[in-house]
PDB file of all heavy atoms in Angstrom:
ATOM      1  N   VAL A   1     -13.673   7.972 140.208  1.00  0.00           N
ATOM      2  CA  VAL A   1     -13.111   6.791 139.530  1.00  0.00           C
ATOM      3  C   VAL A   1     -12.489   5.867 140.585  1.00  0.00           C
ATOM      4  O   VAL A   1     -11.544   6.254 141.288  1.00  0.00           O
ATOM      5  CB  VAL A   1     -12.038   7.204 138.495  1.00  0.00           C
ATOM      6  CG1 VAL A   1     -11.448   5.958 137.831  1.00  0.00           C
ATOM      7  CG2 VAL A   1     -12.636   8.148 137.472  1.00  0.00           C
ATOM      8  N   PRO A   2     -12.979   4.626 140.696  1.00  0.00           N
ATOM      9  CA  PRO A   2     -12.364   3.685 141.638  1.00  0.00           C
ATOM     10  C   PRO A   2     -11.000   3.226 141.131  1.00  0.00           C
ATOM     11  O   PRO A   2     -10.858   2.792 139.997  1.00  0.00           O
ATOM     12  CB  PRO A   2     -13.369   2.540 141.709  1.00  0.00           C
ATOM     13  CG  PRO A   2     -14.104   2.609 140.413  1.00  0.00           C
ATOM     14  CD  PRO A   2     -14.146   4.053 140.036  1.00  0.00           C
ATOM     15  N   ALA A   3      -9.983   3.354 141.995  1.00  0.00           N
ATOM     16  CA  ALA A   3      -8.647   2.884 141.637  1.00  0.00           C
ATOM     17  C   ALA A   3      -8.296   1.538 142.277  1.00  0.00           C
ATOM     18  O   ALA A   3      -7.576   0.735 141.695  1.00  0.00           O
ATOM     19  CB  ALA A   3      -7.613   3.941 142.059  1.00  0.00           C
ATOM     20  N   ILE A   4      -8.821   1.305 143.473  1.00  0.00           N
ATOM     21  CA  ILE A   4      -8.619   0.051 144.205  1.00  0.00           C
ATOM     22  C   ILE A   4      -9.993  -0.374 144.703  1.00  0.00           C
ATOM     23  O   ILE A   4     -10.725   0.410 145.290  1.00  0.00           O
ATOM     24  CB  ILE A   4      -7.654   0.235 145.375  1.00  0.00           C
ATOM     25  CG1 ILE A   4      -6.262   0.626 144.910  1.00  0.00           C
ATOM     26  CG2 ILE A   4      -7.563  -1.070 146.175  1.00  0.00           C
ATOM     27  CD1 ILE A   4      -5.536  -0.435 144.142  1.00  0.00           C
ATOM     28  N   ARG A   5     -10.300  -1.659 144.537  1.00  0.00           N
ATOM     29  CA  ARG A   5     -11.594  -2.156 144.956  1.00  0.00           C
ATOM     30  C   ARG A   5     -11.431  -3.366 145.878  1.00  0.00           C
ATOM     31  O   ARG A   5     -10.910  -4.413 145.460  1.00  0.00           O
ATOM     32  CB  ARG A   5     -12.447  -2.600 143.753  1.00  0.00           C
ATOM     33  CG  ARG A   5     -12.708  -1.542 142.712  1.00  0.00           C
ATOM     34  CD  ARG A   5     -13.497  -2.153 141.547  1.00  0.00           C
ATOM     35  NE  ARG A   5     -13.722  -1.208 140.466  1.00  0.00           N
ATOM     36  CZ  ARG A   5     -12.902  -1.031 139.438  1.00  0.00           C
ATOM     37  NH1 ARG A   5     -11.740  -1.715 139.390  1.00  0.00           N
ATOM     38  NH2 ARG A   5     -13.159  -0.183 138.481  1.00  0.00           N
ATOM     39  N   ALA A   6     -11.830  -3.209 147.120  1.00  0.00           N
ATOM     40  CA  ALA A   6     -11.910  -4.301 148.094  1.00  0.00           C
ATOM     41  C   ALA A   6     -10.637  -5.171 148.095  1.00  0.00           C
ATOM     42  O   ALA A   6     -10.713  -6.387 148.132  1.00  0.00           O
ATOM     43  CB  ALA A   6     -13.130  -5.191 147.795  1.00  0.00           C
ATOM     44  N   LEU A   7      -9.500  -4.516 148.116  1.00  0.00           N
ATOM     45  CA  LEU A   7      -8.222  -5.221 148.051  1.00  0.00           C
ATOM     46  C   LEU A   7      -7.786  -5.684 149.435  1.00  0.00           C
ATOM     47  O   LEU A   7      -7.753  -4.889 150.388  1.00  0.00           O
ATOM     48  CB  LEU A   7      -7.151  -4.304 147.466  1.00  0.00           C
ATOM     49  CG  LEU A   7      -5.721  -4.901 147.434  1.00  0.00           C
ATOM     50  CD1 LEU A   7      -5.666  -6.108 146.535  1.00  0.00           C
ATOM     51  CD2 LEU A   7      -4.724  -3.853 146.972  1.00  0.00           C
ATOM     52  N   SER A   8      -7.436  -6.956 149.540  1.00  0.00           N
ATOM     53  CA  SER A   8      -6.896  -7.518 150.774  1.00  0.00           C
ATOM     54  C   SER A   8      -5.622  -8.292 150.431  1.00  0.00           C
ATOM     55  O   SER A   8      -5.587  -9.057 149.470  1.00  0.00           O
ATOM     56  CB  SER A   8      -7.899  -8.445 151.447  1.00  0.00           C
ATOM     57  OG  SER A   8      -9.059  -7.736 151.880  1.00  0.00           O
ATOM     58  N   LEU A   9      -4.596  -8.044 151.217  1.00  0.00           N
ATOM     59  CA  LEU A   9      -3.338  -8.801 151.090  1.00  0.00           C
ATOM     60  C   LEU A   9      -2.627  -8.803 152.430  1.00  0.00           C
ATOM     61  O   LEU A   9      -2.903  -7.951 153.285  1.00  0.00           O
ATOM     62  CB  LEU A   9      -2.464  -8.249 149.962  1.00  0.00           C
ATOM     63  CG  LEU A   9      -1.981  -6.787 150.050  1.00  0.00           C
ATOM     64  CD1 LEU A   9      -0.706  -6.638 150.902  1.00  0.00           C
ATOM     65  CD2 LEU A   9      -1.698  -6.264 148.651  1.00  0.00           C
ATOM     66  N   GLU A  10      -1.704  -9.770 152.600  1.00  0.00           N
ATOM     67  CA  GLU A  10      -1.003  -9.893 153.854  1.00  0.00           C
ATOM     68  C   GLU A  10       0.492 -10.153 153.576  1.00  0.00           C
ATOM     69  O   GLU A  10       0.837 -10.811 152.593  1.00  0.00           O
ATOM     70  CB  GLU A  10      -1.561 -11.067 154.672  1.00  0.00           C
ATOM     71  CG  GLU A  10      -3.003 -10.846 155.124  1.00  0.00           C
ATOM     72  CD  GLU A  10      -3.516 -11.978 155.978  1.00  0.00           C
ATOM     73  OE1 GLU A  10      -2.860 -13.071 156.015  1.00  0.00           O
ATOM     74  OE2 GLU A  10      -4.573 -11.809 156.636  1.00  0.00           O
ATOM     75  N   VAL A  11       1.317  -9.621 154.460  1.00  0.00           N
ATOM     76  CA  VAL A  11       2.772  -9.848 154.401  1.00  0.00           C
ATOM     77  C   VAL A  11       3.231 -10.212 155.809  1.00  0.00           C
ATOM     78  O   VAL A  11       3.094  -9.403 156.732  1.00  0.00           O
ATOM     79  CB  VAL A  11       3.529  -8.617 153.900  1.00  0.00           C
ATOM     80  CG1 VAL A  11       4.995  -8.957 153.662  1.00  0.00           C
ATOM     81  CG2 VAL A  11       2.893  -8.049 152.622  1.00  0.00           C
ATOM     82  N   ALA A  12       3.762 -11.416 155.971  1.00  0.00           N
ATOM     83  CA  ALA A  12       4.244 -11.843 157.284  1.00  0.00           C
ATOM     84  C   ALA A  12       5.642 -11.321 157.516  1.00  0.00           C
ATOM     85  O   ALA A  12       6.380 -10.995 156.545  1.00  0.00           O
ATOM     86  CB  ALA A  12       4.222 -13.366 157.375  1.00  0.00           C
ATOM     87  N   ALA A  13       6.053 -11.222 158.752  1.00  0.00           N
ATOM     88  CA  ALA A  13       7.403 -10.770 159.089  1.00  0.00           C
ATOM     89  C   ALA A  13       8.432 -11.667 158.412  1.00  0.00           C
ATOM     90  O   ALA A  13       8.335 -12.898 158.451  1.00  0.00           O
ATOM     91  CB  ALA A  13       7.583 -10.800 160.599  1.00  0.00           C
ATOM     92  N   GLY A  14       9.399 -11.034 157.776  1.00  0.00           N
ATOM     93  CA  GLY A  14      10.475 -11.766 157.103  1.00  0.00           C
ATOM     94  C   GLY A  14      10.191 -12.203 155.694  1.00  0.00           C
ATOM     95  O   GLY A  14      11.059 -12.759 155.037  1.00  0.00           O
ATOM     96  N   GLU A  15       8.997 -11.921 155.202  1.00  0.00           N
ATOM     97  CA  GLU A  15       8.663 -12.310 153.845  1.00  0.00           C
ATOM     98  C   GLU A  15       9.084 -11.253 152.829  1.00  0.00           C
ATOM     99  O   GLU A  15       9.206 -10.065 153.138  1.00  0.00           O
ATOM    100  CB  GLU A  15       7.158 -12.539 153.698  1.00  0.00           C
ATOM    101  CG  GLU A  15       6.633 -13.813 154.282  1.00  0.00           C
ATOM    102  CD  GLU A  15       5.217 -14.082 153.879  1.00  0.00           C
ATOM    103  OE1 GLU A  15       4.366 -13.153 153.915  1.00  0.00           O
ATOM    104  OE2 GLU A  15       4.911 -15.223 153.519  1.00  0.00           O
ATOM    105  N   ILE A  16       9.257 -11.695 151.576  1.00  0.00           N
ATOM    106  CA  ILE A  16       9.266 -10.825 150.429  1.00  0.00           C
ATOM    107  C   ILE A  16       8.043 -11.195 149.602  1.00  0.00           C
ATOM    108  O   ILE A  16       7.885 -12.341 149.165  1.00  0.00           O
ATOM    109  CB  ILE A  16      10.527 -10.981 149.569  1.00  0.00           C
ATOM    110  CG1 ILE A  16      11.770 -10.540 150.339  1.00  0.00           C
ATOM    111  CG2 ILE A  16      10.421 -10.191 148.270  1.00  0.00           C
ATOM    112  CD1 ILE A  16      13.073 -10.759 149.573  1.00  0.00           C
ATOM    113  N   VAL A  17       7.133 -10.252 149.446  1.00  0.00           N
ATOM    114  CA  VAL A  17       5.877 -10.471 148.718  1.00  0.00           C
ATOM    115  C   VAL A  17       5.844  -9.549 147.508  1.00  0.00           C
ATOM    116  O   VAL A  17       6.161  -8.375 147.609  1.00  0.00           O
ATOM    117  CB  VAL A  17       4.666 -10.228 149.637  1.00  0.00           C
ATOM    118  CG1 VAL A  17       3.355 -10.264 148.846  1.00  0.00           C
ATOM    119  CG2 VAL A  17       4.636 -11.286 150.740  1.00  0.00           C
ATOM    120  N   GLY A  18       5.479 -10.117 146.354  1.00  0.00           N
ATOM    121  CA  GLY A  18       5.407  -9.337 145.131  1.00  0.00           C
ATOM    122  C   GLY A  18       3.996  -8.828 144.862  1.00  0.00           C
ATOM    123  O   GLY A  18       3.008  -9.395 145.337  1.00  0.00           O
ATOM    124  N   LEU A  19       3.921  -7.750 144.081  1.00  0.00           N
ATOM    125  CA  LEU A  19       2.674  -7.182 143.633  1.00  0.00           C
ATOM    126  C   LEU A  19       2.858  -6.790 142.178  1.00  0.00           C
ATOM    127  O   LEU A  19       3.645  -5.874 141.883  1.00  0.00           O
ATOM    128  CB  LEU A  19       2.305  -5.975 144.489  1.00  0.00           C
ATOM    129  CG  LEU A  19       0.930  -5.329 144.288  1.00  0.00           C
ATOM    130  CD1 LEU A  19      -0.170  -6.319 144.565  1.00  0.00           C
ATOM    131  CD2 LEU A  19       0.777  -4.097 145.167  1.00  0.00           C
ATOM    132  N   ILE A  20       2.205  -7.496 141.261  1.00  0.00           N
ATOM    133  CA  ILE A  20       2.387  -7.277 139.843  1.00  0.00           C
ATOM    134  C   ILE A  20       1.038  -7.018 139.173  1.00  0.00           C
ATOM    135  O   ILE A  20      -0.017  -7.188 139.767  1.00  0.00           O
ATOM    136  CB  ILE A  20       3.097  -8.460 139.152  1.00  0.00           C
ATOM    137  CG1 ILE A  20       2.261  -9.726 139.218  1.00  0.00           C
ATOM    138  CG2 ILE A  20       4.483  -8.676 139.776  1.00  0.00           C
ATOM    139  CD1 ILE A  20       2.815 -10.891 138.426  1.00  0.00           C
ATOM    140  N   GLY A  21       1.111  -6.634 137.901  1.00  0.00           N
ATOM    141  CA  GLY A  21      -0.068  -6.370 137.102  1.00  0.00           C
ATOM    142  C   GLY A  21       0.250  -5.363 136.038  1.00  0.00           C
ATOM    143  O   GLY A  21       1.310  -4.712 136.077  1.00  0.00           O
ATOM    144  N   PRO A  22      -0.632  -5.193 135.076  1.00  0.00           N
ATOM    145  CA  PRO A  22      -0.364  -4.261 133.988  1.00  0.00           C
ATOM    146  C   PRO A  22      -0.399  -2.808 134.467  1.00  0.00           C
ATOM    147  O   PRO A  22      -0.820  -2.523 135.607  1.00  0.00           O
ATOM    148  CB  PRO A  22      -1.499  -4.538 133.003  1.00  0.00           C
ATOM    149  CG  PRO A  22      -2.599  -5.105 133.847  1.00  0.00           C
ATOM    150  CD  PRO A  22      -1.914  -5.895 134.916  1.00  0.00           C
ATOM    151  N   ASN A  23       0.042  -1.912 133.605  1.00  0.00           N
ATOM    152  CA  ASN A  23      -0.023  -0.483 133.939  1.00  0.00           C
ATOM    153  C   ASN A  23      -1.465  -0.084 134.236  1.00  0.00           C
ATOM    154  O   ASN A  23      -2.390  -0.488 133.549  1.00  0.00           O
ATOM    155  CB  ASN A  23       0.518   0.354 132.780  1.00  0.00           C
ATOM    156  CG  ASN A  23       2.030   0.224 132.598  1.00  0.00           C
ATOM    157  OD1 ASN A  23       2.718  -0.083 133.568  1.00  0.00           O
ATOM    158  ND2 ASN A  23       2.502   0.475 131.396  1.00  0.00           N
ATOM    159  N   GLY A  24      -1.627   0.721 135.279  1.00  0.00           N
ATOM    160  CA  GLY A  24      -2.957   1.179 135.658  1.00  0.00           C
ATOM    161  C   GLY A  24      -3.741   0.199 136.516  1.00  0.00           C
ATOM    162  O   GLY A  24      -4.903   0.420 136.824  1.00  0.00           O
ATOM    163  N   ALA A  25      -3.083  -0.902 136.926  1.00  0.00           N
ATOM    164  CA  ALA A  25      -3.776  -1.928 137.717  1.00  0.00           C
ATOM    165  C   ALA A  25      -4.020  -1.490 139.140  1.00  0.00           C
ATOM    166  O   ALA A  25      -4.866  -2.045 139.833  1.00  0.00           O
ATOM    167  CB  ALA A  25      -2.991  -3.232 137.693  1.00  0.00           C
ATOM    168  N   GLY A  26      -3.256  -0.482 139.630  1.00  0.00           N
ATOM    169  CA  GLY A  26      -3.417  -0.015 140.990  1.00  0.00           C
ATOM    170  C   GLY A  26      -2.282  -0.357 141.914  1.00  0.00           C
ATOM    171  O   GLY A  26      -2.397  -0.205 143.139  1.00  0.00           O
ATOM    172  N   LYS A  27      -1.158  -0.785 141.364  1.00  0.00           N
ATOM    173  CA  LYS A  27      -0.024  -1.200 142.213  1.00  0.00           C
ATOM    174  C   LYS A  27       0.547  -0.038 143.006  1.00  0.00           C
ATOM    175  O   LYS A  27       0.699  -0.117 144.232  1.00  0.00           O
ATOM    176  CB  LYS A  27       1.064  -1.830 141.328  1.00  0.00           C
ATOM    177  CG  LYS A  27       0.593  -2.990 140.446  1.00  0.00           C
ATOM    178  CD  LYS A  27       1.707  -3.608 139.651  1.00  0.00           C
ATOM    179  CE  LYS A  27       2.385  -2.659 138.668  1.00  0.00           C
ATOM    180  NZ  LYS A  27       1.475  -2.172 137.612  1.00  0.00           N
ATOM    181  N   SER A  28       0.883   1.045 142.306  1.00  0.00           N
ATOM    182  CA  SER A  28       1.453   2.207 143.021  1.00  0.00           C
ATOM    183  C   SER A  28       0.419   2.817 143.977  1.00  0.00           C
ATOM    184  O   SER A  28       0.784   3.257 145.089  1.00  0.00           O
ATOM    185  CB  SER A  28       1.910   3.266 142.006  1.00  0.00           C
ATOM    186  OG  SER A  28       2.987   2.798 141.229  1.00  0.00           O
ATOM    187  N   THR A  29      -0.828   2.847 143.564  1.00  0.00           N
ATOM    188  CA  THR A  29      -1.868   3.368 144.445  1.00  0.00           C
ATOM    189  C   THR A  29      -1.956   2.571 145.749  1.00  0.00           C
ATOM    190  O   THR A  29      -2.146   3.129 146.832  1.00  0.00           O
ATOM    191  CB  THR A  29      -3.243   3.367 143.734  1.00  0.00           C
ATOM    192  OG1 THR A  29      -3.175   4.224 142.592  1.00  0.00           O
ATOM    193  CG2 THR A  29      -4.355   3.833 144.657  1.00  0.00           C
ATOM    194  N   THR A  30      -1.777   1.252 145.640  1.00  0.00           N
ATOM    195  CA  THR A  30      -1.786   0.429 146.846  1.00  0.00           C
ATOM    196  C   THR A  30      -0.687   0.840 147.804  1.00  0.00           C
ATOM    197  O   THR A  30      -0.922   1.002 149.010  1.00  0.00           O
ATOM    198  CB  THR A  30      -1.622  -1.057 146.470  1.00  0.00           C
ATOM    199  OG1 THR A  30      -2.716  -1.452 145.617  1.00  0.00           O
ATOM    200  CG2 THR A  30      -1.594  -1.935 147.694  1.00  0.00           C
ATOM    201  N   LEU A  31       0.534   1.019 147.282  1.00  0.00           N
ATOM    202  CA  LEU A  31       1.639   1.451 148.137  1.00  0.00           C
ATOM    203  C   LEU A  31       1.370   2.824 148.732  1.00  0.00           C
ATOM    204  O   LEU A  31       1.643   3.062 149.914  1.00  0.00           O
ATOM    205  CB  LEU A  31       2.950   1.472 147.368  1.00  0.00           C
ATOM    206  CG  LEU A  31       3.438   0.156 146.772  1.00  0.00           C
ATOM    207  CD1 LEU A  31       4.852   0.299 146.205  1.00  0.00           C
ATOM    208  CD2 LEU A  31       3.406  -0.990 147.778  1.00  0.00           C
ATOM    209  N   HIS A  32       0.840   3.730 147.910  1.00  0.00           N
ATOM    210  CA  HIS A  32       0.582   5.082 148.409  1.00  0.00           C
ATOM    211  C   HIS A  32      -0.498   5.081 149.485  1.00  0.00           C
ATOM    212  O   HIS A  32      -0.430   5.872 150.442  1.00  0.00           O
ATOM    213  CB  HIS A  32       0.161   5.983 147.255  1.00  0.00           C
ATOM    214  CG  HIS A  32       1.250   6.258 146.256  1.00  0.00           C
ATOM    215  ND1 HIS A  32       1.026   6.859 145.048  1.00  0.00           N
ATOM    216  CD2 HIS A  32       2.573   5.994 146.323  1.00  0.00           C
ATOM    217  CE1 HIS A  32       2.173   6.955 144.405  1.00  0.00           C
ATOM    218  NE2 HIS A  32       3.146   6.422 145.150  1.00  0.00           N
ATOM    219  N   ALA A  33      -1.467   4.203 149.373  1.00  0.00           N
ATOM    220  CA  ALA A  33      -2.480   4.095 150.419  1.00  0.00           C
ATOM    221  C   ALA A  33      -1.899   3.530 151.700  1.00  0.00           C
ATOM    222  O   ALA A  33      -2.247   3.973 152.801  1.00  0.00           O
ATOM    223  CB  ALA A  33      -3.648   3.223 149.937  1.00  0.00           C
ATOM    224  N   ILE A  34      -1.002   2.575 151.603  1.00  0.00           N
ATOM    225  CA  ILE A  34      -0.387   1.988 152.774  1.00  0.00           C
ATOM    226  C   ILE A  34       0.385   3.042 153.583  1.00  0.00           C
ATOM    227  O   ILE A  34       0.302   3.080 154.818  1.00  0.00           O
ATOM    228  CB  ILE A  34       0.538   0.820 152.392  1.00  0.00           C
ATOM    229  CG1 ILE A  34      -0.295  -0.356 151.879  1.00  0.00           C
ATOM    230  CG2 ILE A  34       1.403   0.392 153.582  1.00  0.00           C
ATOM    231  CD1 ILE A  34       0.540  -1.484 151.262  1.00  0.00           C
ATOM    232  N   VAL A  35       1.106   3.924 152.877  1.00  0.00           N
ATOM    233  CA  VAL A  35       1.909   4.929 153.584  1.00  0.00           C
ATOM    234  C   VAL A  35       1.177   6.235 153.814  1.00  0.00           C
ATOM    235  O   VAL A  35       1.788   7.207 154.273  1.00  0.00           O
ATOM    236  CB  VAL A  35       3.252   5.186 152.846  1.00  0.00           C
ATOM    237  CG1 VAL A  35       4.067   3.908 152.769  1.00  0.00           C
ATOM    238  CG2 VAL A  35       3.017   5.772 151.453  1.00  0.00           C
ATOM    239  N   GLY A  36      -0.108   6.287 153.509  1.00  0.00           N
ATOM    240  CA  GLY A  36      -0.911   7.460 153.845  1.00  0.00           C
ATOM    241  C   GLY A  36      -0.853   8.611 152.860  1.00  0.00           C
ATOM    242  O   GLY A  36      -1.333   9.711 153.153  1.00  0.00           O
TER     243      GLY A  36
END
């Protein structure tokens, strides 16, 4: 089951960037992938 598909995003130094979407959209999975 694909949880994240071809996702690209950027955060510059000093920024606060939001990530929103409905339940099951893949938000937590994105964070978990970033931290390994």
